ModelCIF file with pLDDT and N, C-alpha, C, O atoms, coordinates in Angstrom:
data_MODEL
#
_entry.id   MODEL 
#
_entity.id                         1 
_entity.type                       polymer 
_entity.pdbx_number_of_molecules   1 
#
_entity_poly.entity_id                      1 
_entity_poly.type                           'polypeptide(L)' 
_entity_poly.nstd_linkage                   no 
_entity_poly.nstd_monomer                   no 
_entity_poly.pdbx_seq_one_letter_code       LAAVLSMSAIGVGIGMRSIFVVILAVVALILIM 
_entity_poly.pdbx_seq_one_letter_code_can   LAAVLSMSAIGVGIGMRSIFVVILAVVALILIM 
_entity_poly.pdbx_strand_id                 A 
#
loop_
_entity_poly_seq.entity_id 
_entity_poly_seq.num 
_entity_poly_seq.mon_id 
_entity_poly_seq.hetero 
1 1  LEU n 
1 2  ALA n 
1 3  ALA n 
1 4  VAL n 
1 5  LEU n 
1 6  SER n 
1 7  MET n 
1 8  SER n 
1 9  ALA n 
1 10 ILE n 
1 11 GLY n 
1 12 VAL n 
1 13 GLY n 
1 14 ILE n 
1 15 GLY n 
1 16 MET n 
1 17 ARG n 
1 18 SER n 
1 19 ILE n 
1 20 PHE n 
1 21 VAL n 
1 22 VAL n 
1 23 ILE n 
1 24 LEU n 
1 25 ALA n 
1 26 VAL n 
1 27 VAL n 
1 28 ALA n 
1 29 LEU n 
1 30 ILE n 
1 31 LEU n 
1 32 ILE n 
1 33 MET n 
#
_struct_asym.id          A 
_struct_asym.entity_id   1 
#
loop_
_ma_qa_metric.id 
_ma_qa_metric.mode 
_ma_qa_metric.name 
_ma_qa_metric.software_group_id 
_ma_qa_metric.type 
1 global pLDDT . pLDDT 
2 local  pLDDT . pLDDT 
#
_ma_qa_metric_global.metric_id      1 
_ma_qa_metric_global.metric_value   96.82 
_ma_qa_metric_global.model_id       1 
_ma_qa_metric_global.ordinal_id     1 
#
loop_
_ma_qa_metric_local.label_asym_id 
_ma_qa_metric_local.label_comp_id 
_ma_qa_metric_local.label_seq_id 
_ma_qa_metric_local.metric_id 
_ma_qa_metric_local.metric_value 
_ma_qa_metric_local.model_id 
_ma_qa_metric_local.ordinal_id 
A LEU 1  2 97.00 1 1  
A ALA 2  2 97.00 1 2  
A ALA 3  2 97.00 1 3  
A VAL 4  2 97.00 1 4  
A LEU 5  2 97.00 1 5  
A SER 6  2 97.00 1 6  
A MET 7  2 97.00 1 7  
A SER 8  2 97.00 1 8  
A ALA 9  2 97.00 1 9  
A ILE 10 2 97.00 1 10 
A GLY 11 2 97.00 1 11 
A VAL 12 2 97.00 1 12 
A GLY 13 2 97.00 1 13 
A ILE 14 2 97.00 1 14 
A GLY 15 2 97.00 1 15 
A MET 16 2 96.00 1 16 
A ARG 17 2 95.00 1 17 
A SER 18 2 95.00 1 18 
A ILE 19 2 96.00 1 19 
A PHE 20 2 96.00 1 20 
A VAL 21 2 96.00 1 21 
A VAL 22 2 97.00 1 22 
A ILE 23 2 97.00 1 23 
A LEU 24 2 97.00 1 24 
A ALA 25 2 97.00 1 25 
A VAL 26 2 98.00 1 26 
A VAL 27 2 98.00 1 27 
A ALA 28 2 97.00 1 28 
A LEU 29 2 97.00 1 29 
A ILE 30 2 97.00 1 30 
A LEU 31 2 97.00 1 31 
A ILE 32 2 97.00 1 32 
A MET 33 2 97.00 1 33 
#
loop_
_atom_site.group_PDB 
_atom_site.id 
_atom_site.type_symbol 
_atom_site.label_atom_id 
_atom_site.label_alt_id 
_atom_site.label_comp_id 
_atom_site.label_asym_id 
_atom_site.label_entity_id 
_atom_site.label_seq_id 
_atom_site.pdbx_PDB_ins_code 
_atom_site.Cartn_x 
_atom_site.Cartn_y 
_atom_site.Cartn_z 
_atom_site.occupancy 
_atom_site.B_iso_or_equiv 
_atom_site.pdbx_formal_charge 
_atom_site.auth_seq_id 
_atom_site.auth_comp_id 
_atom_site.auth_asym_id 
_atom_site.auth_atom_id 
_atom_site.pdbx_PDB_model_num 
ATOM 1   N N  . LEU A 1 1  ? -7.485  -29.830 -3.058 1.00 97.00 ? 1  LEU A N  1 
ATOM 2   C CA . LEU A 1 1  ? -8.545  -29.492 -1.977 1.00 97.00 ? 1  LEU A CA 1 
ATOM 3   C C  . LEU A 1 1  ? -7.874  -28.850 -0.756 1.00 97.00 ? 1  LEU A C  1 
ATOM 4   O O  . LEU A 1 1  ? -8.391  -27.936 -0.115 1.00 97.00 ? 1  LEU A O  1 
ATOM 5   N N  . ALA A 1 2  ? -6.643  -29.419 -0.476 1.00 97.00 ? 2  ALA A N  1 
ATOM 6   C CA . ALA A 1 2  ? -5.925  -28.887 0.671  1.00 97.00 ? 2  ALA A CA 1 
ATOM 7   C C  . ALA A 1 2  ? -5.503  -27.505 0.464  1.00 97.00 ? 2  ALA A C  1 
ATOM 8   O O  . ALA A 1 2  ? -5.569  -26.745 1.430  1.00 97.00 ? 2  ALA A O  1 
ATOM 9   N N  . ALA A 1 3  ? -5.076  -27.070 -0.666 1.00 97.00 ? 3  ALA A N  1 
ATOM 10  C CA . ALA A 1 3  ? -4.693  -25.705 -1.023 1.00 97.00 ? 3  ALA A CA 1 
ATOM 11  C C  . ALA A 1 3  ? -5.786  -24.752 -0.940 1.00 97.00 ? 3  ALA A C  1 
ATOM 12  O O  . ALA A 1 3  ? -5.603  -23.650 -0.422 1.00 97.00 ? 3  ALA A O  1 
ATOM 13  N N  . VAL A 1 4  ? -7.099  -25.157 -1.494 1.00 97.00 ? 4  VAL A N  1 
ATOM 14  C CA . VAL A 1 4  ? -8.223  -24.346 -1.413 1.00 97.00 ? 4  VAL A CA 1 
ATOM 15  C C  . VAL A 1 4  ? -8.657  -24.215 0.031  1.00 97.00 ? 4  VAL A C  1 
ATOM 16  O O  . VAL A 1 4  ? -9.109  -23.131 0.398  1.00 97.00 ? 4  VAL A O  1 
ATOM 17  N N  . LEU A 1 5  ? -8.557  -25.245 0.902  1.00 97.00 ? 5  LEU A N  1 
ATOM 18  C CA . LEU A 1 5  ? -8.893  -25.046 2.293  1.00 97.00 ? 5  LEU A CA 1 
ATOM 19  C C  . LEU A 1 5  ? -7.916  -24.094 3.000  1.00 97.00 ? 5  LEU A C  1 
ATOM 20  O O  . LEU A 1 5  ? -8.270  -23.315 3.885  1.00 97.00 ? 5  LEU A O  1 
ATOM 21  N N  . SER A 1 6  ? -6.673  -24.215 2.548  1.00 97.00 ? 6  SER A N  1 
ATOM 22  C CA . SER A 1 6  ? -5.633  -23.247 3.279  1.00 97.00 ? 6  SER A CA 1 
ATOM 23  C C  . SER A 1 6  ? -5.900  -21.857 2.820  1.00 97.00 ? 6  SER A C  1 
ATOM 24  O O  . SER A 1 6  ? -5.764  -20.933 3.623  1.00 97.00 ? 6  SER A O  1 
ATOM 25  N N  . MET A 1 7  ? -6.262  -21.639 1.622  1.00 97.00 ? 7  MET A N  1 
ATOM 26  C CA . MET A 1 7  ? -6.586  -20.287 1.055  1.00 97.00 ? 7  MET A CA 1 
ATOM 27  C C  . MET A 1 7  ? -7.874  -19.795 1.904  1.00 97.00 ? 7  MET A C  1 
ATOM 28  O O  . MET A 1 7  ? -7.879  -18.661 2.382  1.00 97.00 ? 7  MET A O  1 
ATOM 29  N N  . SER A 1 8  ? -8.844  -20.582 2.058  1.00 97.00 ? 8  SER A N  1 
ATOM 30  C CA . SER A 1 8  ? -10.048 -20.267 2.822  1.00 97.00 ? 8  SER A CA 1 
ATOM 31  C C  . SER A 1 8  ? -9.720  -19.866 4.170  1.00 97.00 ? 8  SER A C  1 
ATOM 32  O O  . SER A 1 8  ? -10.253 -18.911 4.736  1.00 97.00 ? 8  SER A O  1 
ATOM 33  N N  . ALA A 1 9  ? -8.755  -20.677 4.721  1.00 97.00 ? 9  ALA A N  1 
ATOM 34  C CA . ALA A 1 9  ? -8.328  -20.548 6.207  1.00 97.00 ? 9  ALA A CA 1 
ATOM 35  C C  . ALA A 1 9  ? -7.701  -18.978 6.185  1.00 97.00 ? 9  ALA A C  1 
ATOM 36  O O  . ALA A 1 9  ? -7.899  -18.246 7.155  1.00 97.00 ? 9  ALA A O  1 
ATOM 37  N N  . ILE A 1 10 ? -7.060  -18.588 5.211  1.00 97.00 ? 10 ILE A N  1 
ATOM 38  C CA . ILE A 1 10 ? -6.431  -17.156 5.166  1.00 97.00 ? 10 ILE A CA 1 
ATOM 39  C C  . ILE A 1 10 ? -7.450  -16.217 5.321  1.00 97.00 ? 10 ILE A C  1 
ATOM 40  O O  . ILE A 1 10 ? -7.240  -15.229 6.024  1.00 97.00 ? 10 ILE A O  1 
ATOM 41  N N  . GLY A 1 11 ? -8.616  -16.395 4.721  1.00 97.00 ? 11 GLY A N  1 
ATOM 42  C CA . GLY A 1 11 ? -9.808  -15.470 4.703  1.00 97.00 ? 11 GLY A CA 1 
ATOM 43  C C  . GLY A 1 11 ? -10.509 -15.500 6.037  1.00 97.00 ? 11 GLY A C  1 
ATOM 44  O O  . GLY A 1 11 ? -10.976 -14.507 6.597  1.00 97.00 ? 11 GLY A O  1 
ATOM 45  N N  . VAL A 1 12 ? -10.536 -16.673 6.466  1.00 97.00 ? 12 VAL A N  1 
ATOM 46  C CA . VAL A 1 12 ? -11.115 -16.887 7.925  1.00 97.00 ? 12 VAL A CA 1 
ATOM 47  C C  . VAL A 1 12 ? -10.191 -16.119 9.073  1.00 97.00 ? 12 VAL A C  1 
ATOM 48  O O  . VAL A 1 12 ? -10.647 -15.450 10.001 1.00 97.00 ? 12 VAL A O  1 
ATOM 49  N N  . GLY A 1 13 ? -8.900  -16.348 8.819  1.00 97.00 ? 13 GLY A N  1 
ATOM 50  C CA . GLY A 1 13 ? -7.977  -15.631 9.789  1.00 97.00 ? 13 GLY A CA 1 
ATOM 51  C C  . GLY A 1 13 ? -8.027  -14.236 9.731  1.00 97.00 ? 13 GLY A C  1 
ATOM 52  O O  . GLY A 1 13 ? -7.906  -13.570 10.759 1.00 97.00 ? 13 GLY A O  1 
ATOM 53  N N  . ILE A 1 14 ? -8.221  -13.642 8.453  1.00 97.00 ? 14 ILE A N  1 
ATOM 54  C CA . ILE A 1 14 ? -8.340  -12.175 8.232  1.00 97.00 ? 14 ILE A CA 1 
ATOM 55  C C  . ILE A 1 14 ? -9.618  -11.735 8.940  1.00 97.00 ? 14 ILE A C  1 
ATOM 56  O O  . ILE A 1 14 ? -9.616  -10.779 9.715  1.00 97.00 ? 14 ILE A O  1 
ATOM 57  N N  . GLY A 1 15 ? -10.689 -12.435 8.668  1.00 97.00 ? 15 GLY A N  1 
ATOM 58  C CA . GLY A 1 15 ? -12.051 -12.198 9.368  1.00 97.00 ? 15 GLY A CA 1 
ATOM 59  C C  . GLY A 1 15 ? -11.919 -12.142 10.816 1.00 97.00 ? 15 GLY A C  1 
ATOM 60  O O  . GLY A 1 15 ? -12.462 -11.243 11.458 1.00 97.00 ? 15 GLY A O  1 
ATOM 61  N N  . MET A 1 16 ? -11.205 -13.081 11.378 1.00 96.00 ? 16 MET A N  1 
ATOM 62  C CA . MET A 1 16 ? -10.991 -13.150 12.877 1.00 96.00 ? 16 MET A CA 1 
ATOM 63  C C  . MET A 1 16 ? -9.993  -12.153 13.437 1.00 96.00 ? 16 MET A C  1 
ATOM 64  O O  . MET A 1 16 ? -9.862  -11.959 14.645 1.00 96.00 ? 16 MET A O  1 
ATOM 65  N N  . ARG A 1 17 ? -9.269  -11.508 12.457 1.00 95.00 ? 17 ARG A N  1 
ATOM 66  C CA . ARG A 1 17 ? -8.280  -10.610 12.898 1.00 95.00 ? 17 ARG A CA 1 
ATOM 67  C C  . ARG A 1 17 ? -7.158  -11.213 13.682 1.00 95.00 ? 17 ARG A C  1 
ATOM 68  O O  . ARG A 1 17 ? -6.588  -10.633 14.606 1.00 95.00 ? 17 ARG A O  1 
ATOM 69  N N  . SER A 1 18 ? -6.866  -12.476 13.232 1.00 95.00 ? 18 SER A N  1 
ATOM 70  C CA . SER A 1 18 ? -5.841  -13.267 14.026 1.00 95.00 ? 18 SER A CA 1 
ATOM 71  C C  . SER A 1 18 ? -4.456  -13.547 13.051 1.00 95.00 ? 18 SER A C  1 
ATOM 72  O O  . SER A 1 18 ? -4.471  -14.423 12.187 1.00 95.00 ? 18 SER A O  1 
ATOM 73  N N  . ILE A 1 19 ? -3.432  -12.809 13.272 1.00 96.00 ? 19 ILE A N  1 
ATOM 74  C CA . ILE A 1 19 ? -2.387  -12.924 12.572 1.00 96.00 ? 19 ILE A CA 1 
ATOM 75  C C  . ILE A 1 19 ? -1.772  -14.392 12.607 1.00 96.00 ? 19 ILE A C  1 
ATOM 76  O O  . ILE A 1 19 ? -1.207  -14.916 11.647 1.00 96.00 ? 19 ILE A O  1 
ATOM 77  N N  . PHE A 1 20 ? -1.957  -14.951 13.799 1.00 96.00 ? 20 PHE A N  1 
ATOM 78  C CA . PHE A 1 20 ? -1.439  -16.319 13.870 1.00 96.00 ? 20 PHE A CA 1 
ATOM 79  C C  . PHE A 1 20 ? -2.060  -17.256 12.928 1.00 96.00 ? 20 PHE A C  1 
ATOM 80  O O  . PHE A 1 20 ? -1.369  -18.054 12.294 1.00 96.00 ? 20 PHE A O  1 
ATOM 81  N N  . VAL A 1 21 ? -3.335  -17.194 12.810 1.00 96.00 ? 21 VAL A N  1 
ATOM 82  C CA . VAL A 1 21 ? -4.113  -18.142 11.756 1.00 96.00 ? 21 VAL A CA 1 
ATOM 83  C C  . VAL A 1 21 ? -3.746  -17.727 10.434 1.00 96.00 ? 21 VAL A C  1 
ATOM 84  O O  . VAL A 1 21 ? -3.591  -18.642 9.625  1.00 96.00 ? 21 VAL A O  1 
ATOM 85  N N  . VAL A 1 22 ? -3.557  -16.456 10.001 1.00 97.00 ? 22 VAL A N  1 
ATOM 86  C CA . VAL A 1 22 ? -3.055  -16.078 8.838  1.00 97.00 ? 22 VAL A CA 1 
ATOM 87  C C  . VAL A 1 22 ? -1.679  -16.730 8.363  1.00 97.00 ? 22 VAL A C  1 
ATOM 88  O O  . VAL A 1 22 ? -1.532  -17.354 7.312  1.00 97.00 ? 22 VAL A O  1 
ATOM 89  N N  . ILE A 1 23 ? -0.772  -16.497 9.246  1.00 97.00 ? 23 ILE A N  1 
ATOM 90  C CA . ILE A 1 23 ? 0.575   -16.889 9.049  1.00 97.00 ? 23 ILE A CA 1 
ATOM 91  C C  . ILE A 1 23 ? 0.598   -18.549 8.991  1.00 97.00 ? 23 ILE A C  1 
ATOM 92  O O  . ILE A 1 23 ? 1.263   -19.144 8.142  1.00 97.00 ? 23 ILE A O  1 
ATOM 93  N N  . LEU A 1 24 ? -0.096  -19.136 9.856  1.00 97.00 ? 24 LEU A N  1 
ATOM 94  C CA . LEU A 1 24 ? -0.214  -20.618 9.865  1.00 97.00 ? 24 LEU A CA 1 
ATOM 95  C C  . LEU A 1 24 ? -0.832  -21.125 8.460  1.00 97.00 ? 24 LEU A C  1 
ATOM 96  O O  . LEU A 1 24 ? -0.334  -22.058 7.831  1.00 97.00 ? 24 LEU A O  1 
ATOM 97  N N  . ALA A 1 25 ? -1.824  -20.500 8.094  1.00 97.00 ? 25 ALA A N  1 
ATOM 98  C CA . ALA A 1 25 ? -2.502  -20.888 6.773  1.00 97.00 ? 25 ALA A CA 1 
ATOM 99  C C  . ALA A 1 25 ? -1.500  -20.646 5.654  1.00 97.00 ? 25 ALA A C  1 
ATOM 100 O O  . ALA A 1 25 ? -1.350  -21.533 4.814  1.00 97.00 ? 25 ALA A O  1 
ATOM 101 N N  . VAL A 1 26 ? -0.783  -19.486 5.574  1.00 98.00 ? 26 VAL A N  1 
ATOM 102 C CA . VAL A 1 26 ? 0.092   -19.104 4.463  1.00 98.00 ? 26 VAL A CA 1 
ATOM 103 C C  . VAL A 1 26 ? 1.190   -20.265 4.483  1.00 98.00 ? 26 VAL A C  1 
ATOM 104 O O  . VAL A 1 26 ? 1.536   -20.801 3.430  1.00 98.00 ? 26 VAL A O  1 
ATOM 105 N N  . VAL A 1 27 ? 1.681   -20.603 5.618  1.00 98.00 ? 27 VAL A N  1 
ATOM 106 C CA . VAL A 1 27 ? 2.723   -21.550 5.578  1.00 98.00 ? 27 VAL A CA 1 
ATOM 107 C C  . VAL A 1 27 ? 2.268   -22.960 5.134  1.00 98.00 ? 27 VAL A C  1 
ATOM 108 O O  . VAL A 1 27 ? 2.953   -23.672 4.401  1.00 98.00 ? 27 VAL A O  1 
ATOM 109 N N  . ALA A 1 28 ? 1.007   -23.326 5.654  1.00 97.00 ? 28 ALA A N  1 
ATOM 110 C CA . ALA A 1 28 ? 0.333   -24.419 5.172  1.00 97.00 ? 28 ALA A CA 1 
ATOM 111 C C  . ALA A 1 28 ? 0.174   -24.436 3.673  1.00 97.00 ? 28 ALA A C  1 
ATOM 112 O O  . ALA A 1 28 ? 0.346   -25.469 3.026  1.00 97.00 ? 28 ALA A O  1 
ATOM 113 N N  . LEU A 1 29 ? -0.152  -23.294 3.134  1.00 97.00 ? 29 LEU A N  1 
ATOM 114 C CA . LEU A 1 29 ? -0.423  -23.292 1.514  1.00 97.00 ? 29 LEU A CA 1 
ATOM 115 C C  . LEU A 1 29 ? 0.936   -23.478 0.886  1.00 97.00 ? 29 LEU A C  1 
ATOM 116 O O  . LEU A 1 29 ? 1.091   -24.218 -0.085 1.00 97.00 ? 29 LEU A O  1 
ATOM 117 N N  . ILE A 1 30 ? 1.882   -22.828 1.426  1.00 97.00 ? 30 ILE A N  1 
ATOM 118 C CA . ILE A 1 30 ? 3.297   -22.937 0.650  1.00 97.00 ? 30 ILE A CA 1 
ATOM 119 C C  . ILE A 1 30 ? 3.776   -24.435 0.594  1.00 97.00 ? 30 ILE A C  1 
ATOM 120 O O  . ILE A 1 30 ? 4.191   -24.959 -0.440 1.00 97.00 ? 30 ILE A O  1 
ATOM 121 N N  . LEU A 1 31 ? 3.672   -25.109 1.881  1.00 97.00 ? 31 LEU A N  1 
ATOM 122 C CA . LEU A 1 31 ? 4.015   -26.485 1.899  1.00 97.00 ? 31 LEU A CA 1 
ATOM 123 C C  . LEU A 1 31 ? 3.196   -27.330 1.126  1.00 97.00 ? 31 LEU A C  1 
ATOM 124 O O  . LEU A 1 31 ? 3.771   -28.287 0.608  1.00 97.00 ? 31 LEU A O  1 
ATOM 125 N N  . ILE A 1 32 ? 1.907   -27.193 0.912  1.00 97.00 ? 32 ILE A N  1 
ATOM 126 C CA . ILE A 1 32 ? 0.949   -27.965 0.242  1.00 97.00 ? 32 ILE A CA 1 
ATOM 127 C C  . ILE A 1 32 ? 1.384   -27.806 -1.246 1.00 97.00 ? 32 ILE A C  1 
ATOM 128 O O  . ILE A 1 32 ? 1.726   -28.793 -1.896 1.00 97.00 ? 32 ILE A O  1 
ATOM 129 N N  . MET A 1 33 ? 1.368   -26.517 -1.793 1.00 97.00 ? 33 MET A N  1 
ATOM 130 C CA . MET A 1 33 ? 1.720   -26.282 -3.147 1.00 97.00 ? 33 MET A CA 1 
ATOM 131 C C  . MET A 1 33 ? 2.979   -26.854 -3.369 1.00 97.00 ? 33 MET A C  1 
ATOM 132 O O  . MET A 1 33 ? 3.503   -26.781 -4.481 1.00 97.00 ? 33 MET A O  1 
#
């Protein structure tokens, strides 16, 4: 569930056009997985 939320956050970050959110979500995904 945490990995799915992190993947969703990547999509939200892309939608917001925020590179910071995308990078943070990718790092979180790598750590969780």
